[in-house]
Amino acid sequence: MLLTADGHGTSEIMRQAGVAKTAVWRWQERFMQAGADGLLRDKTRPPRIPPLGAEIIERVVQLTLSEPPGETTHWTASAMAKSSGVSVSSVQRIWRSHGLLPHRMRQFKLSNDPRFADTVRGP
């Protein structure tokens, strides 16, 4: 806006600011409508995605701490996302914030082999 006030044209402002012509026009329009306050926020971008609700986060945490479906040994982010109805990145953010590492949880599944006891040796 200072360059506009100094009488510089749109091309000069574009060159110095490193932006497109439409950005310069948008700044000038917002300045004319709302003054300096109109330049403080970028009103052309949509607001950020709303955060997940506490009940969704709690459901993902509870599912992570429960047994995974089928024969799997642990929850994967994609399986959890599909099961809970949120994105994979949301699952990863929830796990990171709660310190959950489902692939590192120690789980033991006993073999269904009828001769399993014969293969286990004592000390």
N, C-alpha and C. Protein backbone atom coordinates (compact mmCIF):
# COMPACT_ATOMS: atom_id res chain seq x y z
N MET A 1 0.83 -1.17 0.00
CA MET A 1 0.00 0.00 0.00
C MET A 1 0.88 1.25 0.00
N LEU A 2 2.05 1.14 0.63
CA LEU A 2 2.96 2.28 0.62
C LEU A 2 3.45 2.58 -0.78
N LEU A 3 3.69 1.55 -1.56
CA LEU A 3 4.12 1.75 -2.94
C LEU A 3 3.02 2.39 -3.76
N THR A 4 1.77 2.00 -3.52
CA THR A 4 0.64 2.62 -4.21
C THR A 4 0.55 4.09 -3.83
N ALA A 5 0.72 4.37 -2.52
CA ALA A 5 0.65 5.76 -2.06
C ALA A 5 1.78 6.59 -2.65
N ASP A 6 2.91 5.98 -2.91
CA ASP A 6 4.05 6.70 -3.51
C ASP A 6 3.89 6.87 -5.01
N GLY A 7 2.80 6.36 -5.59
CA GLY A 7 2.54 6.55 -7.00
C GLY A 7 3.09 5.48 -7.91
N HIS A 8 3.58 4.37 -7.36
CA HIS A 8 4.09 3.28 -8.20
C HIS A 8 2.93 2.53 -8.83
N GLY A 9 3.11 2.07 -10.04
CA GLY A 9 2.08 1.33 -10.76
C GLY A 9 2.04 -0.13 -10.32
N THR A 10 1.03 -0.83 -10.83
CA THR A 10 0.82 -2.23 -10.48
C THR A 10 2.02 -3.09 -10.87
N SER A 11 2.60 -2.85 -12.02
CA SER A 11 3.76 -3.66 -12.47
C SER A 11 4.95 -3.50 -11.53
N GLU A 12 5.20 -2.28 -11.09
CA GLU A 12 6.31 -2.04 -10.17
C GLU A 12 6.05 -2.71 -8.82
N ILE A 13 4.83 -2.64 -8.33
CA ILE A 13 4.47 -3.27 -7.06
C ILE A 13 4.61 -4.79 -7.18
N MET A 14 4.17 -5.34 -8.33
CA MET A 14 4.29 -6.78 -8.56
C MET A 14 5.76 -7.20 -8.50
N ARG A 15 6.62 -6.43 -9.16
CA ARG A 15 8.04 -6.77 -9.21
C ARG A 15 8.67 -6.71 -7.82
N GLN A 16 8.39 -5.65 -7.08
CA GLN A 16 9.01 -5.48 -5.76
C GLN A 16 8.47 -6.47 -4.72
N ALA A 17 7.17 -6.74 -4.80
CA ALA A 17 6.57 -7.64 -3.81
C ALA A 17 6.68 -9.11 -4.22
N GLY A 18 6.92 -9.37 -5.50
CA GLY A 18 7.03 -10.75 -5.96
C GLY A 18 5.71 -11.48 -5.99
N VAL A 19 4.63 -10.77 -6.30
CA VAL A 19 3.31 -11.38 -6.34
C VAL A 19 2.65 -11.12 -7.68
N ALA A 20 1.53 -11.76 -7.90
CA ALA A 20 0.78 -11.61 -9.15
C ALA A 20 -0.03 -10.32 -9.12
N LYS A 21 -0.48 -9.93 -10.30
CA LYS A 21 -1.27 -8.71 -10.46
C LYS A 21 -2.56 -8.78 -9.65
N THR A 22 -3.18 -9.96 -9.64
CA THR A 22 -4.45 -10.10 -8.91
C THR A 22 -4.26 -9.90 -7.42
N ALA A 23 -3.09 -10.29 -6.88
CA ALA A 23 -2.83 -10.09 -5.46
C ALA A 23 -2.72 -8.60 -5.16
N VAL A 24 -2.05 -7.85 -6.02
CA VAL A 24 -1.93 -6.39 -5.81
C VAL A 24 -3.31 -5.75 -5.85
N TRP A 25 -4.11 -6.13 -6.83
CA TRP A 25 -5.46 -5.57 -6.94
C TRP A 25 -6.29 -5.92 -5.70
N ARG A 26 -6.15 -7.17 -5.23
CA ARG A 26 -6.90 -7.61 -4.04
C ARG A 26 -6.51 -6.77 -2.83
N TRP A 27 -5.20 -6.53 -2.64
CA TRP A 27 -4.72 -5.70 -1.52
C TRP A 27 -5.29 -4.30 -1.61
N GLN A 28 -5.25 -3.73 -2.81
CA GLN A 28 -5.74 -2.36 -2.99
C GLN A 28 -7.24 -2.28 -2.70
N GLU A 29 -7.98 -3.26 -3.17
CA GLU A 29 -9.42 -3.28 -2.94
C GLU A 29 -9.74 -3.41 -1.45
N ARG A 30 -9.07 -4.32 -0.76
CA ARG A 30 -9.30 -4.51 0.67
C ARG A 30 -8.90 -3.28 1.47
N PHE A 31 -7.84 -2.59 1.04
CA PHE A 31 -7.41 -1.38 1.72
C PHE A 31 -8.46 -0.28 1.54
N MET A 32 -9.02 -0.17 0.34
CA MET A 32 -10.04 0.84 0.09
C MET A 32 -11.31 0.57 0.89
N GLN A 33 -11.65 -0.69 1.08
CA GLN A 33 -12.89 -1.04 1.79
C GLN A 33 -12.74 -1.00 3.30
N ALA A 34 -11.61 -1.52 3.84
CA ALA A 34 -11.49 -1.67 5.29
C ALA A 34 -10.27 -0.99 5.88
N GLY A 35 -9.51 -0.28 5.08
CA GLY A 35 -8.32 0.39 5.60
C GLY A 35 -7.24 -0.62 5.93
N ALA A 36 -6.35 -0.25 6.84
CA ALA A 36 -5.23 -1.12 7.21
C ALA A 36 -5.70 -2.41 7.85
N ASP A 37 -6.84 -2.37 8.56
CA ASP A 37 -7.36 -3.59 9.19
C ASP A 37 -7.72 -4.65 8.15
N GLY A 38 -8.10 -4.22 6.95
CA GLY A 38 -8.44 -5.16 5.89
C GLY A 38 -7.26 -5.95 5.38
N LEU A 39 -6.04 -5.51 5.68
CA LEU A 39 -4.84 -6.19 5.21
C LEU A 39 -4.25 -7.15 6.25
N LEU A 40 -4.79 -7.15 7.45
CA LEU A 40 -4.21 -7.96 8.52
C LEU A 40 -4.44 -9.45 8.35
N ARG A 41 -5.55 -9.83 7.73
CA ARG A 41 -5.84 -11.24 7.52
C ARG A 41 -6.12 -11.48 6.06
N ASP A 42 -5.80 -12.67 5.60
CA ASP A 42 -6.09 -13.03 4.22
C ASP A 42 -7.51 -13.57 4.17
N LYS A 43 -8.44 -12.75 3.74
CA LYS A 43 -9.85 -13.13 3.76
C LYS A 43 -10.25 -13.99 2.56
N THR A 44 -9.35 -14.19 1.62
CA THR A 44 -9.70 -14.97 0.44
C THR A 44 -9.58 -16.46 0.68
N ARG A 45 -8.88 -16.84 1.72
CA ARG A 45 -8.73 -18.27 2.01
C ARG A 45 -9.85 -18.74 2.91
N PRO A 46 -10.29 -19.98 2.71
CA PRO A 46 -11.33 -20.50 3.60
C PRO A 46 -10.74 -20.75 4.98
N PRO A 47 -11.58 -20.75 6.00
CA PRO A 47 -11.07 -21.03 7.35
C PRO A 47 -10.51 -22.44 7.42
N ARG A 48 -9.64 -22.68 8.37
CA ARG A 48 -9.01 -23.99 8.48
C ARG A 48 -10.05 -25.05 8.85
N ILE A 49 -9.67 -26.27 8.65
CA ILE A 49 -10.56 -27.40 8.94
C ILE A 49 -10.82 -27.41 10.45
N PRO A 50 -12.07 -27.53 10.85
CA PRO A 50 -12.36 -27.53 12.29
C PRO A 50 -11.71 -28.75 12.96
N PRO A 51 -11.26 -28.58 14.19
CA PRO A 51 -10.62 -29.70 14.89
C PRO A 51 -11.61 -30.82 15.18
N LEU A 52 -11.07 -32.01 15.36
CA LEU A 52 -11.92 -33.16 15.67
C LEU A 52 -12.51 -33.00 17.07
N GLY A 53 -13.69 -33.52 17.24
CA GLY A 53 -14.34 -33.46 18.54
C GLY A 53 -13.69 -34.41 19.54
N ALA A 54 -13.88 -34.12 20.81
CA ALA A 54 -13.29 -34.94 21.88
C ALA A 54 -13.79 -36.38 21.83
N GLU A 55 -15.05 -36.56 21.43
CA GLU A 55 -15.61 -37.93 21.39
C GLU A 55 -14.96 -38.75 20.28
N ILE A 56 -14.61 -38.13 19.17
CA ILE A 56 -13.94 -38.85 18.08
C ILE A 56 -12.53 -39.23 18.51
N ILE A 57 -11.84 -38.32 19.14
CA ILE A 57 -10.48 -38.59 19.62
C ILE A 57 -10.50 -39.72 20.64
N GLU A 58 -11.45 -39.67 21.56
CA GLU A 58 -11.56 -40.71 22.59
C GLU A 58 -11.87 -42.07 21.96
N ARG A 59 -12.72 -42.07 20.93
CA ARG A 59 -13.06 -43.34 20.25
C ARG A 59 -11.82 -43.93 19.57
N VAL A 60 -11.01 -43.09 18.92
CA VAL A 60 -9.80 -43.58 18.25
C VAL A 60 -8.82 -44.14 19.29
N VAL A 61 -8.67 -43.46 20.41
CA VAL A 61 -7.76 -43.94 21.45
C VAL A 61 -8.25 -45.27 22.01
N GLN A 62 -9.55 -45.37 22.29
CA GLN A 62 -10.09 -46.62 22.84
C GLN A 62 -9.96 -47.77 21.85
N LEU A 63 -10.23 -47.50 20.57
CA LEU A 63 -10.06 -48.54 19.56
C LEU A 63 -8.61 -48.98 19.44
N THR A 64 -7.70 -48.03 19.54
CA THR A 64 -6.27 -48.35 19.45
C THR A 64 -5.84 -49.27 20.58
N LEU A 65 -6.38 -49.04 21.76
CA LEU A 65 -6.01 -49.85 22.92
C LEU A 65 -6.74 -51.19 22.95
N SER A 66 -7.74 -51.37 22.07
CA SER A 66 -8.46 -52.64 22.02
C SER A 66 -7.80 -53.56 20.99
N GLU A 67 -8.30 -54.76 20.90
CA GLU A 67 -7.77 -55.73 19.95
C GLU A 67 -8.09 -55.31 18.52
N PRO A 68 -7.15 -55.45 17.62
CA PRO A 68 -7.44 -55.13 16.21
C PRO A 68 -8.33 -56.21 15.60
N PRO A 69 -8.99 -55.88 14.50
CA PRO A 69 -9.91 -56.85 13.91
C PRO A 69 -9.17 -57.99 13.21
N GLY A 70 -9.82 -59.14 13.19
CA GLY A 70 -9.29 -60.28 12.44
C GLY A 70 -8.01 -60.85 13.01
N GLU A 71 -7.15 -61.29 12.13
CA GLU A 71 -5.90 -61.95 12.51
C GLU A 71 -4.73 -60.98 12.64
N THR A 72 -4.99 -59.68 12.52
CA THR A 72 -3.90 -58.72 12.58
C THR A 72 -3.35 -58.61 13.99
N THR A 73 -2.09 -58.24 14.08
CA THR A 73 -1.43 -58.16 15.38
C THR A 73 -1.51 -56.78 15.99
N HIS A 74 -1.73 -55.75 15.16
CA HIS A 74 -1.82 -54.39 15.67
C HIS A 74 -2.61 -53.53 14.69
N TRP A 75 -3.06 -52.38 15.19
CA TRP A 75 -3.77 -51.43 14.34
C TRP A 75 -2.80 -50.72 13.42
N THR A 76 -3.19 -50.54 12.17
CA THR A 76 -2.45 -49.66 11.27
C THR A 76 -3.24 -48.36 11.16
N ALA A 77 -2.58 -47.31 10.73
CA ALA A 77 -3.26 -46.02 10.62
C ALA A 77 -4.39 -46.09 9.61
N SER A 78 -4.17 -46.78 8.50
CA SER A 78 -5.23 -46.86 7.49
C SER A 78 -6.41 -47.69 7.98
N ALA A 79 -6.14 -48.78 8.70
CA ALA A 79 -7.24 -49.59 9.23
C ALA A 79 -8.03 -48.81 10.28
N MET A 80 -7.31 -48.05 11.11
CA MET A 80 -7.99 -47.24 12.14
C MET A 80 -8.81 -46.14 11.48
N ALA A 81 -8.27 -45.52 10.44
CA ALA A 81 -8.99 -44.45 9.75
C ALA A 81 -10.28 -44.98 9.15
N LYS A 82 -10.20 -46.15 8.55
CA LYS A 82 -11.38 -46.75 7.94
C LYS A 82 -12.41 -47.12 9.00
N SER A 83 -11.94 -47.65 10.11
CA SER A 83 -12.83 -48.10 11.17
C SER A 83 -13.49 -46.93 11.91
N SER A 84 -12.74 -45.84 12.09
CA SER A 84 -13.26 -44.72 12.88
C SER A 84 -13.87 -43.61 12.04
N GLY A 85 -13.66 -43.65 10.72
CA GLY A 85 -14.27 -42.65 9.86
C GLY A 85 -13.56 -41.32 9.81
N VAL A 86 -12.27 -41.29 10.13
CA VAL A 86 -11.47 -40.07 10.03
C VAL A 86 -10.31 -40.33 9.07
N SER A 87 -9.55 -39.30 8.74
CA SER A 87 -8.45 -39.46 7.81
C SER A 87 -7.24 -40.12 8.48
N VAL A 88 -6.36 -40.67 7.66
CA VAL A 88 -5.14 -41.30 8.16
C VAL A 88 -4.29 -40.27 8.92
N SER A 89 -4.19 -39.06 8.38
CA SER A 89 -3.38 -38.04 9.05
C SER A 89 -3.98 -37.67 10.41
N SER A 90 -5.30 -37.68 10.52
CA SER A 90 -5.94 -37.41 11.82
C SER A 90 -5.61 -38.50 12.81
N VAL A 91 -5.65 -39.74 12.36
CA VAL A 91 -5.29 -40.87 13.24
C VAL A 91 -3.84 -40.71 13.71
N GLN A 92 -2.95 -40.38 12.79
CA GLN A 92 -1.55 -40.22 13.15
C GLN A 92 -1.35 -39.07 14.14
N ARG A 93 -2.08 -37.97 13.95
CA ARG A 93 -1.98 -36.85 14.90
C ARG A 93 -2.47 -37.26 16.28
N ILE A 94 -3.58 -38.00 16.34
CA ILE A 94 -4.12 -38.46 17.62
C ILE A 94 -3.13 -39.39 18.30
N TRP A 95 -2.59 -40.34 17.56
CA TRP A 95 -1.62 -41.27 18.14
C TRP A 95 -0.40 -40.53 18.67
N ARG A 96 0.10 -39.56 17.88
CA ARG A 96 1.28 -38.81 18.31
C ARG A 96 1.00 -38.02 19.58
N SER A 97 -0.17 -37.36 19.64
CA SER A 97 -0.49 -36.54 20.80
C SER A 97 -0.72 -37.37 22.06
N HIS A 98 -1.13 -38.63 21.90
CA HIS A 98 -1.35 -39.50 23.06
C HIS A 98 -0.19 -40.47 23.31
N GLY A 99 0.85 -40.37 22.51
CA GLY A 99 2.01 -41.24 22.70
C GLY A 99 1.72 -42.69 22.38
N LEU A 100 0.81 -42.95 21.47
CA LEU A 100 0.45 -44.33 21.13
C LEU A 100 1.31 -44.82 19.97
N LEU A 101 1.85 -46.01 20.14
CA LEU A 101 2.63 -46.67 19.09
C LEU A 101 2.10 -48.10 18.96
N PRO A 102 0.99 -48.28 18.24
CA PRO A 102 0.36 -49.60 18.20
C PRO A 102 1.25 -50.67 17.61
N HIS A 103 2.17 -50.32 16.74
CA HIS A 103 3.04 -51.32 16.15
C HIS A 103 4.11 -51.78 17.13
N ARG A 104 4.24 -51.11 18.26
CA ARG A 104 5.22 -51.49 19.27
C ARG A 104 4.60 -52.13 20.50
N MET A 105 3.29 -52.27 20.53
CA MET A 105 2.63 -52.90 21.66
C MET A 105 2.95 -54.38 21.66
N ARG A 106 3.30 -54.88 22.79
CA ARG A 106 3.62 -56.30 22.88
C ARG A 106 2.33 -57.09 23.04
N GLN A 107 2.07 -57.90 22.06
CA GLN A 107 0.90 -58.77 22.11
C GLN A 107 1.36 -60.18 21.75
N PHE A 108 0.79 -61.12 22.41
CA PHE A 108 1.16 -62.51 22.16
C PHE A 108 -0.08 -63.25 21.75
N LYS A 109 0.00 -63.94 20.62
CA LYS A 109 -1.11 -64.77 20.17
C LYS A 109 -0.63 -66.21 20.19
N LEU A 110 -1.35 -67.01 20.90
CA LEU A 110 -1.01 -68.42 21.00
C LEU A 110 -1.34 -69.13 19.70
N SER A 111 -0.48 -70.00 19.30
CA SER A 111 -0.67 -70.73 18.05
C SER A 111 -1.85 -71.68 18.16
N ASN A 112 -2.53 -71.87 17.06
CA ASN A 112 -3.64 -72.82 16.99
C ASN A 112 -3.16 -74.22 16.61
N ASP A 113 -1.87 -74.37 16.41
CA ASP A 113 -1.29 -75.65 16.02
C ASP A 113 -1.46 -76.64 17.17
N PRO A 114 -2.09 -77.80 16.92
CA PRO A 114 -2.30 -78.77 18.01
C PRO A 114 -0.97 -79.31 18.55
N ARG A 115 0.10 -79.26 17.77
CA ARG A 115 1.39 -79.77 18.25
C ARG A 115 2.27 -78.64 18.80
N PHE A 116 1.67 -77.49 19.08
CA PHE A 116 2.44 -76.34 19.55
C PHE A 116 3.17 -76.65 20.85
N ALA A 117 2.47 -77.32 21.78
CA ALA A 117 3.08 -77.61 23.07
C ALA A 117 4.31 -78.50 22.90
N ASP A 118 4.32 -79.37 21.88
CA ASP A 118 5.48 -80.24 21.64
C ASP A 118 6.69 -79.44 21.17
N THR A 119 6.45 -78.31 20.52
CA THR A 119 7.57 -77.53 19.98
C THR A 119 8.15 -76.57 20.99
N VAL A 120 7.43 -76.29 22.07
CA VAL A 120 7.93 -75.36 23.08
C VAL A 120 8.84 -76.11 24.03
N ARG A 121 10.04 -75.62 24.20
CA ARG A 121 11.00 -76.30 25.08
C ARG A 121 11.17 -75.51 26.36
N GLY A 122 11.32 -76.20 27.40
CA GLY A 122 11.55 -75.57 28.71
C GLY A 122 13.01 -75.23 28.90
N PRO A 123 13.36 -74.64 30.04
CA PRO A 123 14.75 -74.27 30.30
C PRO A 123 15.68 -75.41 30.50
